[in-house]
N, C-alpha and C. Protein backbone atom coordinates (compact mmCIF):
# COMPACT_ATOMS: atom_id res chain seq x y z
N MET A 1 -8.34 4.66 -12.05
CA MET A 1 -7.14 4.38 -11.27
C MET A 1 -6.99 5.42 -10.15
N THR A 2 -6.58 4.94 -9.01
CA THR A 2 -6.27 5.82 -7.87
C THR A 2 -4.76 5.82 -7.70
N THR A 3 -4.20 6.99 -7.48
CA THR A 3 -2.76 7.11 -7.26
C THR A 3 -2.53 7.64 -5.86
N ILE A 4 -1.71 6.95 -5.12
CA ILE A 4 -1.30 7.42 -3.80
C ILE A 4 0.21 7.59 -3.81
N TYR A 5 0.65 8.82 -3.60
CA TYR A 5 2.07 9.13 -3.49
C TYR A 5 2.43 9.19 -2.00
N PHE A 6 3.27 8.29 -1.57
CA PHE A 6 3.80 8.39 -0.21
C PHE A 6 5.09 9.17 -0.28
N VAL A 7 5.24 10.14 0.61
CA VAL A 7 6.44 10.96 0.64
C VAL A 7 7.08 10.80 2.01
N ARG A 8 8.24 10.19 2.01
CA ARG A 8 8.99 10.11 3.26
C ARG A 8 9.53 11.50 3.54
N HIS A 9 9.41 11.95 4.77
CA HIS A 9 9.76 13.32 5.14
C HIS A 9 11.18 13.70 4.73
N ALA A 10 11.41 14.99 4.61
CA ALA A 10 12.73 15.55 4.31
C ALA A 10 13.61 15.48 5.57
N GLU A 11 14.80 16.00 5.47
CA GLU A 11 15.80 15.88 6.54
C GLU A 11 15.31 16.47 7.87
N PRO A 12 15.26 15.63 8.94
CA PRO A 12 14.80 16.12 10.24
C PRO A 12 15.96 16.64 11.09
N ASP A 13 15.62 17.46 12.05
CA ASP A 13 16.60 17.95 13.01
C ASP A 13 16.71 16.92 14.14
N LEU A 14 17.71 16.07 14.06
CA LEU A 14 17.85 14.97 15.01
C LEU A 14 18.30 15.42 16.40
N SER A 15 18.63 16.70 16.55
CA SER A 15 18.95 17.19 17.90
C SER A 15 17.68 17.28 18.74
N GLN A 16 16.54 17.28 18.09
CA GLN A 16 15.24 17.30 18.79
C GLN A 16 14.79 15.85 18.96
N ARG A 17 14.74 15.38 20.20
CA ARG A 17 14.42 13.98 20.46
C ARG A 17 12.92 13.70 20.55
N ASP A 18 12.11 14.72 20.63
CA ASP A 18 10.67 14.54 20.71
C ASP A 18 10.15 14.12 19.33
N GLU A 19 9.75 12.86 19.22
CA GLU A 19 9.31 12.31 17.94
C GLU A 19 8.19 13.12 17.29
N LEU A 20 7.22 13.53 18.07
CA LEU A 20 6.07 14.24 17.52
C LEU A 20 6.42 15.64 17.04
N GLN A 21 7.30 16.33 17.75
CA GLN A 21 7.61 17.73 17.45
C GLN A 21 8.92 17.95 16.70
N ARG A 22 9.63 16.89 16.30
CA ARG A 22 10.91 17.05 15.60
C ARG A 22 10.69 17.78 14.27
N PRO A 23 11.31 18.97 14.11
CA PRO A 23 11.12 19.75 12.87
C PRO A 23 12.11 19.32 11.78
N LEU A 24 11.97 19.95 10.64
CA LEU A 24 12.95 19.78 9.57
C LEU A 24 14.12 20.72 9.79
N THR A 25 15.25 20.36 9.21
CA THR A 25 16.41 21.25 9.19
C THR A 25 16.16 22.31 8.10
N PRO A 26 17.00 23.34 8.03
CA PRO A 26 16.88 24.28 6.90
C PRO A 26 16.97 23.57 5.54
N LYS A 27 17.86 22.59 5.42
CA LYS A 27 17.95 21.82 4.17
C LYS A 27 16.64 21.07 3.92
N GLY A 28 16.08 20.48 4.97
CA GLY A 28 14.82 19.78 4.83
C GLY A 28 13.70 20.69 4.36
N ARG A 29 13.65 21.90 4.89
CA ARG A 29 12.62 22.86 4.47
C ARG A 29 12.82 23.24 3.00
N ALA A 30 14.07 23.44 2.60
CA ALA A 30 14.35 23.76 1.19
C ALA A 30 13.95 22.60 0.28
N ASP A 31 14.25 21.37 0.71
CA ASP A 31 13.86 20.20 -0.08
C ASP A 31 12.35 20.04 -0.17
N SER A 32 11.62 20.48 0.85
CA SER A 32 10.16 20.42 0.81
C SER A 32 9.60 21.35 -0.27
N VAL A 33 10.25 22.49 -0.45
CA VAL A 33 9.84 23.40 -1.53
C VAL A 33 10.14 22.73 -2.87
N ARG A 34 11.29 22.09 -2.99
CA ARG A 34 11.64 21.37 -4.23
C ARG A 34 10.64 20.25 -4.50
N LEU A 35 10.19 19.62 -3.43
CA LEU A 35 9.20 18.56 -3.57
C LEU A 35 7.92 19.11 -4.19
N SER A 36 7.49 20.27 -3.72
CA SER A 36 6.27 20.87 -4.27
C SER A 36 6.45 21.18 -5.76
N GLU A 37 7.66 21.55 -6.15
CA GLU A 37 7.94 21.81 -7.56
C GLU A 37 7.92 20.51 -8.37
N TYR A 38 8.38 19.42 -7.77
CA TYR A 38 8.35 18.12 -8.44
C TYR A 38 6.91 17.76 -8.84
N PHE A 39 5.97 18.10 -7.99
CA PHE A 39 4.56 17.77 -8.25
C PHE A 39 3.86 18.80 -9.12
N SER A 40 4.57 19.78 -9.64
CA SER A 40 3.92 20.86 -10.38
C SER A 40 3.16 20.38 -11.62
N ASN A 41 3.53 19.23 -12.17
CA ASN A 41 2.83 18.69 -13.35
C ASN A 41 2.01 17.46 -13.02
N GLU A 42 1.82 17.19 -11.74
CA GLU A 42 1.05 16.03 -11.30
C GLU A 42 -0.25 16.51 -10.67
N PRO A 43 -1.34 15.82 -10.93
CA PRO A 43 -2.58 16.21 -10.25
C PRO A 43 -2.52 15.81 -8.78
N VAL A 44 -3.01 16.67 -7.92
CA VAL A 44 -3.08 16.37 -6.49
C VAL A 44 -4.48 16.77 -6.02
N ASP A 45 -5.26 15.77 -5.63
CA ASP A 45 -6.62 16.03 -5.17
C ASP A 45 -6.70 16.18 -3.66
N TYR A 46 -5.89 15.41 -2.93
CA TYR A 46 -5.93 15.43 -1.47
C TYR A 46 -4.51 15.29 -0.91
N VAL A 47 -4.30 15.87 0.26
CA VAL A 47 -3.01 15.75 0.95
C VAL A 47 -3.28 15.28 2.37
N TYR A 48 -2.62 14.19 2.73
CA TYR A 48 -2.69 13.63 4.08
C TYR A 48 -1.29 13.62 4.66
N SER A 49 -1.21 13.50 5.97
CA SER A 49 0.09 13.40 6.61
C SER A 49 -0.02 12.69 7.95
N SER A 50 1.07 12.06 8.30
CA SER A 50 1.27 11.64 9.68
C SER A 50 1.18 12.90 10.52
N PRO A 51 0.79 12.81 11.78
CA PRO A 51 0.73 14.01 12.62
C PRO A 51 2.10 14.50 13.08
N TYR A 52 3.16 13.78 12.79
CA TYR A 52 4.49 14.19 13.21
C TYR A 52 4.91 15.44 12.43
N ARG A 53 5.46 16.40 13.14
CA ARG A 53 5.78 17.71 12.57
C ARG A 53 6.63 17.61 11.30
N ARG A 54 7.66 16.77 11.29
CA ARG A 54 8.54 16.68 10.12
C ARG A 54 7.80 16.21 8.87
N ALA A 55 6.81 15.33 9.03
CA ALA A 55 6.03 14.87 7.88
C ALA A 55 5.11 15.98 7.39
N VAL A 56 4.47 16.68 8.31
CA VAL A 56 3.58 17.79 7.94
C VAL A 56 4.39 18.89 7.24
N GLU A 57 5.54 19.26 7.81
CA GLU A 57 6.36 20.32 7.20
C GLU A 57 6.83 19.93 5.80
N THR A 58 7.01 18.64 5.55
CA THR A 58 7.46 18.19 4.23
C THR A 58 6.40 18.40 3.17
N VAL A 59 5.13 18.15 3.48
CA VAL A 59 4.08 18.29 2.47
C VAL A 59 3.40 19.65 2.49
N LYS A 60 3.76 20.48 3.45
CA LYS A 60 3.09 21.78 3.56
C LYS A 60 3.26 22.67 2.31
N PRO A 61 4.48 22.84 1.75
CA PRO A 61 4.59 23.66 0.53
C PRO A 61 3.77 23.11 -0.64
N LEU A 62 3.67 21.79 -0.73
CA LEU A 62 2.86 21.16 -1.77
C LEU A 62 1.38 21.48 -1.54
N ALA A 63 0.92 21.33 -0.32
CA ALA A 63 -0.48 21.64 -0.02
C ALA A 63 -0.78 23.12 -0.30
N GLU A 64 0.15 23.99 0.06
CA GLU A 64 -0.05 25.42 -0.22
C GLU A 64 -0.09 25.69 -1.71
N ARG A 65 0.78 25.03 -2.48
CA ARG A 65 0.81 25.21 -3.94
C ARG A 65 -0.54 24.85 -4.56
N TYR A 66 -1.13 23.76 -4.09
CA TYR A 66 -2.40 23.29 -4.63
C TYR A 66 -3.62 23.80 -3.87
N ARG A 67 -3.36 24.60 -2.84
CA ARG A 67 -4.44 25.12 -1.99
C ARG A 67 -5.30 23.99 -1.43
N LYS A 68 -4.60 23.02 -0.84
CA LYS A 68 -5.26 21.86 -0.25
C LYS A 68 -5.07 21.86 1.25
N THR A 69 -6.04 21.34 1.94
CA THR A 69 -5.95 21.12 3.38
C THR A 69 -5.09 19.89 3.61
N ILE A 70 -4.28 19.91 4.66
CA ILE A 70 -3.53 18.71 5.06
C ILE A 70 -4.37 17.99 6.11
N TYR A 71 -4.81 16.80 5.77
CA TYR A 71 -5.58 15.97 6.70
C TYR A 71 -4.60 15.09 7.49
N LEU A 72 -4.64 15.20 8.80
CA LEU A 72 -3.76 14.40 9.64
C LEU A 72 -4.37 13.02 9.87
N GLU A 73 -3.55 12.00 9.66
CA GLU A 73 -4.00 10.62 9.87
C GLU A 73 -2.97 9.92 10.74
N LYS A 74 -3.34 9.66 11.99
CA LYS A 74 -2.40 9.08 12.96
C LYS A 74 -1.87 7.71 12.54
N ASP A 75 -2.60 6.98 11.72
CA ASP A 75 -2.15 5.65 11.32
C ASP A 75 -0.99 5.69 10.32
N PHE A 76 -0.66 6.86 9.78
CA PHE A 76 0.51 6.99 8.91
C PHE A 76 1.77 7.38 9.68
N ARG A 77 1.68 7.42 11.02
CA ARG A 77 2.83 7.81 11.83
C ARG A 77 3.92 6.73 11.79
N GLU A 78 5.10 7.13 12.24
CA GLU A 78 6.22 6.20 12.36
C GLU A 78 5.95 5.25 13.50
N ARG A 79 6.62 4.13 13.50
CA ARG A 79 6.42 3.18 14.58
C ARG A 79 7.05 3.68 15.88
N LYS A 80 6.44 3.30 16.97
CA LYS A 80 6.96 3.66 18.29
C LYS A 80 8.08 2.67 18.62
N ILE A 81 9.25 3.20 18.96
CA ILE A 81 10.38 2.34 19.31
C ILE A 81 10.28 1.90 20.77
N ASP A 82 10.14 2.86 21.67
CA ASP A 82 10.08 2.60 23.10
C ASP A 82 9.74 3.93 23.78
N ASP A 83 9.65 3.93 25.09
CA ASP A 83 9.38 5.17 25.81
C ASP A 83 10.63 6.02 25.98
N GLU A 84 11.79 5.45 25.76
CA GLU A 84 13.06 6.16 25.94
C GLU A 84 13.85 6.16 24.64
N TRP A 85 14.76 7.13 24.53
CA TRP A 85 15.71 7.19 23.42
C TRP A 85 16.61 5.97 23.54
N ILE A 86 16.87 5.26 22.43
CA ILE A 86 17.73 4.07 22.52
C ILE A 86 19.07 4.35 21.86
N SER A 87 20.12 3.78 22.43
CA SER A 87 21.47 4.00 21.90
C SER A 87 21.86 2.94 20.87
N ASP A 88 21.20 1.80 20.87
CA ASP A 88 21.53 0.71 19.94
C ASP A 88 20.59 0.68 18.74
N TYR A 89 20.33 1.85 18.16
CA TYR A 89 19.32 1.96 17.10
C TYR A 89 19.62 1.05 15.90
N GLU A 90 20.87 0.99 15.45
CA GLU A 90 21.19 0.19 14.26
C GLU A 90 20.92 -1.29 14.50
N ASP A 91 21.28 -1.79 15.66
CA ASP A 91 20.99 -3.19 15.99
C ASP A 91 19.48 -3.41 16.08
N PHE A 92 18.80 -2.49 16.70
CA PHE A 92 17.34 -2.57 16.83
C PHE A 92 16.69 -2.59 15.44
N LEU A 93 17.13 -1.70 14.55
CA LEU A 93 16.58 -1.61 13.21
C LEU A 93 16.77 -2.92 12.45
N THR A 94 17.98 -3.47 12.50
CA THR A 94 18.26 -4.74 11.83
C THR A 94 17.37 -5.84 12.37
N ARG A 95 17.23 -5.88 13.66
CA ARG A 95 16.40 -6.93 14.28
C ARG A 95 14.94 -6.78 13.85
N GLN A 96 14.43 -5.56 13.81
CA GLN A 96 13.03 -5.37 13.41
C GLN A 96 12.81 -5.78 11.95
N TRP A 97 13.75 -5.45 11.07
CA TRP A 97 13.55 -5.76 9.66
C TRP A 97 13.80 -7.23 9.35
N THR A 98 14.44 -7.97 10.24
CA THR A 98 14.61 -9.41 10.04
C THR A 98 13.56 -10.22 10.79
N ASP A 99 12.87 -9.60 11.74
CA ASP A 99 11.79 -10.24 12.49
C ASP A 99 10.67 -9.21 12.66
N PHE A 100 9.67 -9.26 11.80
CA PHE A 100 8.59 -8.27 11.78
C PHE A 100 7.77 -8.25 13.07
N LEU A 101 7.94 -9.24 13.93
CA LEU A 101 7.20 -9.28 15.18
C LEU A 101 8.04 -8.79 16.36
N TYR A 102 9.31 -8.46 16.12
CA TYR A 102 10.17 -7.99 17.21
C TYR A 102 9.80 -6.56 17.61
N ARG A 103 9.76 -6.33 18.91
CA ARG A 103 9.52 -4.98 19.42
C ARG A 103 10.18 -4.88 20.78
N ARG A 104 10.46 -3.66 21.19
CA ARG A 104 10.91 -3.40 22.55
C ARG A 104 9.69 -3.41 23.47
N SER A 105 9.90 -3.43 24.75
CA SER A 105 8.79 -3.65 25.69
C SER A 105 7.65 -2.64 25.54
N ASN A 106 7.94 -1.39 25.23
CA ASN A 106 6.89 -0.38 25.08
C ASN A 106 6.81 0.16 23.66
N GLY A 107 7.19 -0.66 22.71
CA GLY A 107 7.19 -0.22 21.32
C GLY A 107 6.29 -1.06 20.44
N GLU A 108 6.35 -0.77 19.14
CA GLU A 108 5.55 -1.50 18.15
C GLU A 108 6.45 -2.38 17.29
N CYS A 109 5.92 -3.51 16.88
CA CYS A 109 6.62 -4.32 15.89
C CYS A 109 6.22 -3.80 14.50
N LEU A 110 7.01 -4.15 13.50
CA LEU A 110 6.73 -3.65 12.15
C LEU A 110 5.45 -4.27 11.56
N GLN A 111 5.07 -5.45 12.04
CA GLN A 111 3.81 -6.04 11.57
C GLN A 111 2.63 -5.16 11.96
N THR A 112 2.66 -4.64 13.18
CA THR A 112 1.60 -3.73 13.64
C THR A 112 1.58 -2.45 12.81
N VAL A 113 2.76 -1.92 12.53
CA VAL A 113 2.88 -0.71 11.72
C VAL A 113 2.30 -0.97 10.32
N GLN A 114 2.67 -2.09 9.73
CA GLN A 114 2.16 -2.44 8.41
C GLN A 114 0.64 -2.57 8.43
N ASP A 115 0.11 -3.26 9.42
CA ASP A 115 -1.35 -3.46 9.49
C ASP A 115 -2.09 -2.13 9.56
N ARG A 116 -1.63 -1.21 10.40
CA ARG A 116 -2.36 0.06 10.52
C ARG A 116 -2.20 0.93 9.29
N ASN A 117 -1.03 0.88 8.64
CA ASN A 117 -0.84 1.65 7.41
C ASN A 117 -1.70 1.12 6.27
N VAL A 118 -1.76 -0.19 6.13
CA VAL A 118 -2.59 -0.77 5.06
C VAL A 118 -4.06 -0.49 5.32
N ALA A 119 -4.50 -0.52 6.56
CA ALA A 119 -5.89 -0.17 6.88
C ALA A 119 -6.17 1.29 6.50
N ALA A 120 -5.22 2.18 6.77
CA ALA A 120 -5.38 3.59 6.40
C ALA A 120 -5.41 3.76 4.89
N ILE A 121 -4.59 3.00 4.17
CA ILE A 121 -4.61 3.05 2.70
C ILE A 121 -5.97 2.60 2.18
N ASN A 122 -6.49 1.52 2.74
CA ASN A 122 -7.81 1.03 2.30
C ASN A 122 -8.89 2.09 2.52
N MET A 123 -8.78 2.83 3.63
CA MET A 123 -9.72 3.92 3.88
C MET A 123 -9.59 4.98 2.78
N LEU A 124 -8.34 5.33 2.41
CA LEU A 124 -8.15 6.32 1.34
C LEU A 124 -8.72 5.81 0.02
N LEU A 125 -8.50 4.54 -0.27
CA LEU A 125 -8.98 3.98 -1.54
C LEU A 125 -10.50 4.01 -1.62
N LEU A 126 -11.17 3.76 -0.53
CA LEU A 126 -12.63 3.81 -0.54
C LEU A 126 -13.15 5.24 -0.59
N LYS A 127 -12.47 6.12 0.10
CA LYS A 127 -12.92 7.51 0.21
C LYS A 127 -12.57 8.35 -1.02
N HIS A 128 -11.46 8.05 -1.68
CA HIS A 128 -10.96 8.89 -2.77
C HIS A 128 -10.68 8.09 -4.05
N MET A 129 -11.59 7.21 -4.40
CA MET A 129 -11.40 6.38 -5.58
C MET A 129 -11.22 7.24 -6.83
N ASN A 130 -10.27 6.86 -7.65
CA ASN A 130 -9.94 7.53 -8.92
C ASN A 130 -9.42 8.95 -8.71
N LYS A 131 -8.83 9.20 -7.58
CA LYS A 131 -8.23 10.50 -7.28
C LYS A 131 -6.72 10.31 -7.08
N SER A 132 -6.05 11.43 -6.88
CA SER A 132 -4.61 11.43 -6.61
C SER A 132 -4.39 11.99 -5.21
N VAL A 133 -3.72 11.21 -4.37
CA VAL A 133 -3.54 11.55 -2.96
C VAL A 133 -2.05 11.54 -2.64
N VAL A 134 -1.60 12.55 -1.89
CA VAL A 134 -0.22 12.59 -1.39
C VAL A 134 -0.28 12.38 0.11
N VAL A 135 0.62 11.53 0.62
CA VAL A 135 0.67 11.23 2.05
C VAL A 135 2.08 11.48 2.58
N GLY A 136 2.21 12.36 3.56
CA GLY A 136 3.48 12.58 4.23
C GLY A 136 3.69 11.50 5.28
N THR A 137 4.82 10.80 5.22
CA THR A 137 5.02 9.65 6.09
C THR A 137 6.49 9.50 6.48
N HIS A 138 6.87 8.30 6.91
CA HIS A 138 8.17 8.02 7.51
C HIS A 138 8.80 6.77 6.89
N GLU A 139 10.12 6.62 7.10
CA GLU A 139 10.86 5.55 6.42
C GLU A 139 10.37 4.15 6.76
N ASN A 140 10.24 3.82 8.04
CA ASN A 140 9.83 2.47 8.39
C ASN A 140 8.37 2.21 8.03
N ALA A 141 7.52 3.19 8.28
CA ALA A 141 6.11 3.04 7.91
C ALA A 141 5.98 2.80 6.41
N LEU A 142 6.66 3.59 5.62
CA LEU A 142 6.61 3.45 4.16
C LEU A 142 7.21 2.11 3.72
N GLY A 143 8.32 1.73 4.33
CA GLY A 143 8.93 0.45 3.99
C GLY A 143 7.99 -0.73 4.20
N THR A 144 7.21 -0.68 5.29
CA THR A 144 6.28 -1.78 5.54
C THR A 144 5.16 -1.82 4.49
N VAL A 145 4.77 -0.65 3.99
CA VAL A 145 3.75 -0.59 2.95
C VAL A 145 4.29 -1.19 1.65
N ILE A 146 5.51 -0.82 1.30
CA ILE A 146 6.11 -1.39 0.09
C ILE A 146 6.22 -2.90 0.21
N ARG A 147 6.64 -3.36 1.37
CA ARG A 147 6.76 -4.81 1.60
C ARG A 147 5.41 -5.50 1.43
N TYR A 148 4.35 -4.89 1.93
CA TYR A 148 3.02 -5.49 1.82
C TYR A 148 2.61 -5.67 0.35
N TYR A 149 2.84 -4.65 -0.44
CA TYR A 149 2.37 -4.71 -1.83
C TYR A 149 3.33 -5.39 -2.79
N THR A 150 4.62 -5.46 -2.46
CA THR A 150 5.58 -6.07 -3.39
C THR A 150 6.12 -7.40 -2.91
N LYS A 151 6.09 -7.64 -1.61
CA LYS A 151 6.63 -8.84 -0.96
C LYS A 151 8.15 -8.95 -1.12
N GLN A 152 8.78 -7.94 -1.71
CA GLN A 152 10.22 -8.01 -1.99
C GLN A 152 10.99 -6.86 -1.35
N PHE A 153 10.55 -6.38 -0.23
CA PHE A 153 11.21 -5.26 0.42
C PHE A 153 11.59 -5.69 1.83
N GLY A 154 12.91 -5.88 2.03
CA GLY A 154 13.41 -6.31 3.32
C GLY A 154 14.52 -5.39 3.79
N LEU A 155 15.34 -5.90 4.67
CA LEU A 155 16.42 -5.10 5.25
C LEU A 155 17.35 -4.53 4.19
N LYS A 156 17.75 -5.33 3.23
CA LYS A 156 18.68 -4.86 2.18
C LYS A 156 18.08 -3.68 1.41
N GLU A 157 16.84 -3.79 1.02
CA GLU A 157 16.18 -2.71 0.27
C GLU A 157 15.96 -1.49 1.17
N PHE A 158 15.62 -1.74 2.41
CA PHE A 158 15.43 -0.64 3.36
C PHE A 158 16.73 0.15 3.53
N LEU A 159 17.84 -0.54 3.70
CA LEU A 159 19.12 0.14 3.89
C LEU A 159 19.53 0.94 2.66
N ARG A 160 19.13 0.46 1.47
CA ARG A 160 19.45 1.16 0.22
C ARG A 160 18.81 2.54 0.17
N VAL A 161 17.63 2.70 0.75
CA VAL A 161 16.88 3.96 0.63
C VAL A 161 16.88 4.79 1.91
N ARG A 162 17.60 4.35 2.92
CA ARG A 162 17.55 5.03 4.22
C ARG A 162 17.88 6.51 4.18
N ASP A 163 18.78 6.89 3.30
CA ASP A 163 19.20 8.29 3.24
C ASP A 163 18.41 9.10 2.21
N PHE A 164 17.40 8.51 1.57
CA PHE A 164 16.59 9.23 0.59
C PHE A 164 15.59 10.11 1.34
N ARG A 165 15.79 11.42 1.22
CA ARG A 165 14.89 12.38 1.87
C ARG A 165 14.77 13.61 0.99
N PRO A 166 13.63 14.04 0.61
CA PRO A 166 12.41 13.26 0.67
C PRO A 166 12.43 12.13 -0.36
N TRP A 167 11.70 11.11 -0.08
CA TRP A 167 11.61 9.93 -0.94
C TRP A 167 10.16 9.77 -1.34
N ILE A 168 9.90 9.63 -2.63
CA ILE A 168 8.54 9.56 -3.16
C ILE A 168 8.29 8.15 -3.70
N VAL A 169 7.22 7.54 -3.27
CA VAL A 169 6.84 6.22 -3.79
C VAL A 169 5.40 6.32 -4.28
N ARG A 170 5.22 6.03 -5.57
CA ARG A 170 3.89 6.11 -6.19
C ARG A 170 3.27 4.71 -6.27
N PHE A 171 2.09 4.59 -5.69
CA PHE A 171 1.32 3.35 -5.76
C PHE A 171 0.11 3.63 -6.64
N THR A 172 -0.15 2.77 -7.61
CA THR A 172 -1.35 2.91 -8.43
C THR A 172 -2.27 1.73 -8.12
N PHE A 173 -3.56 2.04 -8.03
CA PHE A 173 -4.56 1.05 -7.66
C PHE A 173 -5.71 1.04 -8.65
N ASN A 174 -6.19 -0.13 -8.96
CA ASN A 174 -7.45 -0.31 -9.67
C ASN A 174 -8.40 -0.87 -8.63
N GLY A 175 -9.31 -0.05 -8.16
CA GLY A 175 -10.12 -0.42 -7.00
C GLY A 175 -9.20 -0.48 -5.79
N VAL A 176 -9.14 -1.65 -5.14
CA VAL A 176 -8.23 -1.81 -4.01
C VAL A 176 -7.03 -2.69 -4.36
N GLU A 177 -6.92 -3.05 -5.63
CA GLU A 177 -5.80 -3.88 -6.08
C GLU A 177 -4.64 -3.01 -6.53
N CYS A 178 -3.49 -3.22 -5.92
CA CYS A 178 -2.30 -2.46 -6.30
C CYS A 178 -1.81 -2.93 -7.66
N GLN A 179 -1.65 -1.99 -8.58
CA GLN A 179 -1.21 -2.29 -9.93
C GLN A 179 0.26 -2.00 -10.16
N GLY A 180 0.84 -1.15 -9.32
CA GLY A 180 2.25 -0.82 -9.52
C GLY A 180 2.81 0.02 -8.40
N VAL A 181 4.11 -0.12 -8.19
CA VAL A 181 4.85 0.63 -7.18
C VAL A 181 6.12 1.15 -7.85
N GLU A 182 6.32 2.46 -7.75
CA GLU A 182 7.48 3.09 -8.38
C GLU A 182 8.02 4.15 -7.44
N ASP A 183 9.37 4.18 -7.27
CA ASP A 183 9.92 5.16 -6.34
C ASP A 183 10.84 6.16 -7.03
N PHE A 184 10.93 7.34 -6.41
CA PHE A 184 11.72 8.46 -6.92
C PHE A 184 12.41 9.14 -5.74
N CYS A 185 13.57 9.68 -5.99
CA CYS A 185 14.23 10.48 -4.97
C CYS A 185 14.66 11.78 -5.63
N LEU A 186 14.38 12.89 -4.97
CA LEU A 186 14.86 14.17 -5.47
C LEU A 186 16.38 14.18 -5.38
N ASP A 187 17.04 14.68 -6.39
CA ASP A 187 18.51 14.80 -6.32
C ASP A 187 18.84 15.83 -5.26
N THR A 188 19.46 15.39 -4.17
CA THR A 188 19.78 16.30 -3.08
C THR A 188 21.26 16.40 -2.87
């Protein structure tokens, strides 16, 4: 069995609008240390992350605890909304989760995000069969992965977990077949 733990990043500093360089808040950094403690009894063979700073900072204490390199994988990044900051984010979010093909003119639809994330998962499954992998990721990217494997994750489920940071979702695979999906949230 292969286990892939997806970890949605801890609390980001939303005053920083640069998606790639947005850091964690002090609370987010503290929660990242707690996250590493959560994994203290779990085997971790490899650590991957989206290249976004908040995702890397979330898994960094875990990687340090296990003395693992963090491998950056651009396909685990969050979806691109547009070239500009948008003010109607909640409406945009609802529209994307009700129409997986909806996107702004210079952004990505959630179907594209799902396709690239599942391709990256398949790469991990082939490369690290029967190992345990942790992946630092983002809420929408992770939501699309859950939807792919469970078919039962939509706007309602997404809204239920929006404030979970960090949020851990464990996927177990036999070969490339998903055998189970289970989620956890650190009490914050």
